[in-house]
Amino acid sequence: MKAHVVGSLGLFFNTDLSTSGEMTPTDGKAQELRALSRQLRAALAERSQAA
């Protein structure tokens, strides 16, 4: 499973991401991130059922 969330959303360290792992994206980026997380969860569930 590949995920390139940081690059595809334009998240940046010290702006949207801290080096300690905290995320503070803008509303638009956060909304996209939630949608991508739902897609990833669905893909993982589908893959798990197929195994």
Protein backbone atom coordinates (compact mmCIF):
# COMPACT_ATOMS: atom_id res chain seq x y z
CA MET A 1 0.00 0.00 0.00
CA LYS A 2 1.48 3.36 -1.00
CA ALA A 3 0.52 6.73 0.47
CA HIS A 4 2.09 10.06 -0.47
CA VAL A 5 -0.12 12.29 1.64
CA VAL A 6 2.45 14.93 2.56
CA GLY A 7 3.50 15.60 -1.02
CA SER A 8 0.07 15.43 -2.60
CA LEU A 9 -1.60 17.81 -0.15
CA GLY A 10 1.22 20.29 0.08
CA LEU A 11 1.72 19.83 3.82
CA PHE A 12 4.90 21.42 5.15
CA PHE A 13 6.95 20.85 8.27
CA ASN A 14 6.92 23.78 10.70
CA THR A 15 3.68 25.00 9.08
CA ASP A 16 1.27 22.07 8.90
CA LEU A 17 3.38 19.41 10.64
CA SER A 18 5.64 19.62 13.66
CA THR A 19 8.75 17.52 14.07
CA SER A 20 7.07 15.94 17.12
CA GLY A 21 4.25 14.61 14.89
CA GLU A 22 1.51 17.16 15.59
CA MET A 23 -0.58 18.30 12.65
CA THR A 24 -2.09 21.77 12.28
CA PRO A 25 -3.22 21.94 8.64
CA THR A 26 -5.58 24.60 7.35
CA ASP A 27 -9.27 23.67 7.08
CA GLY A 28 -9.00 22.84 3.37
CA LYS A 29 -5.97 20.61 3.83
CA ALA A 30 -7.52 18.95 6.89
CA GLN A 31 -10.67 18.16 4.92
CA GLU A 32 -8.61 16.60 2.10
CA LEU A 33 -6.57 14.64 4.64
CA ARG A 34 -9.74 13.23 6.24
CA ALA A 35 -11.04 12.17 2.81
CA LEU A 36 -7.74 10.47 1.97
CA SER A 37 -7.75 8.73 5.35
CA ARG A 38 -11.24 7.36 4.65
CA GLN A 39 -10.08 6.11 1.23
CA LEU A 40 -7.03 4.45 2.77
CA ARG A 41 -9.13 2.80 5.49
CA ALA A 42 -11.57 1.45 2.86
CA ALA A 43 -8.74 0.15 0.68
CA LEU A 44 -7.12 -1.59 3.64
CA ALA A 45 -10.42 -3.15 4.68
CA GLU A 46 -11.02 -4.38 1.14
CA ARG A 47 -7.51 -5.80 0.93
CA SER A 48 -7.92 -7.49 4.31
CA GLN A 49 -11.17 -9.15 3.23
CA ALA A 50 -9.57 -10.43 0.03
CA ALA A 51 -6.70 -12.10 1.93
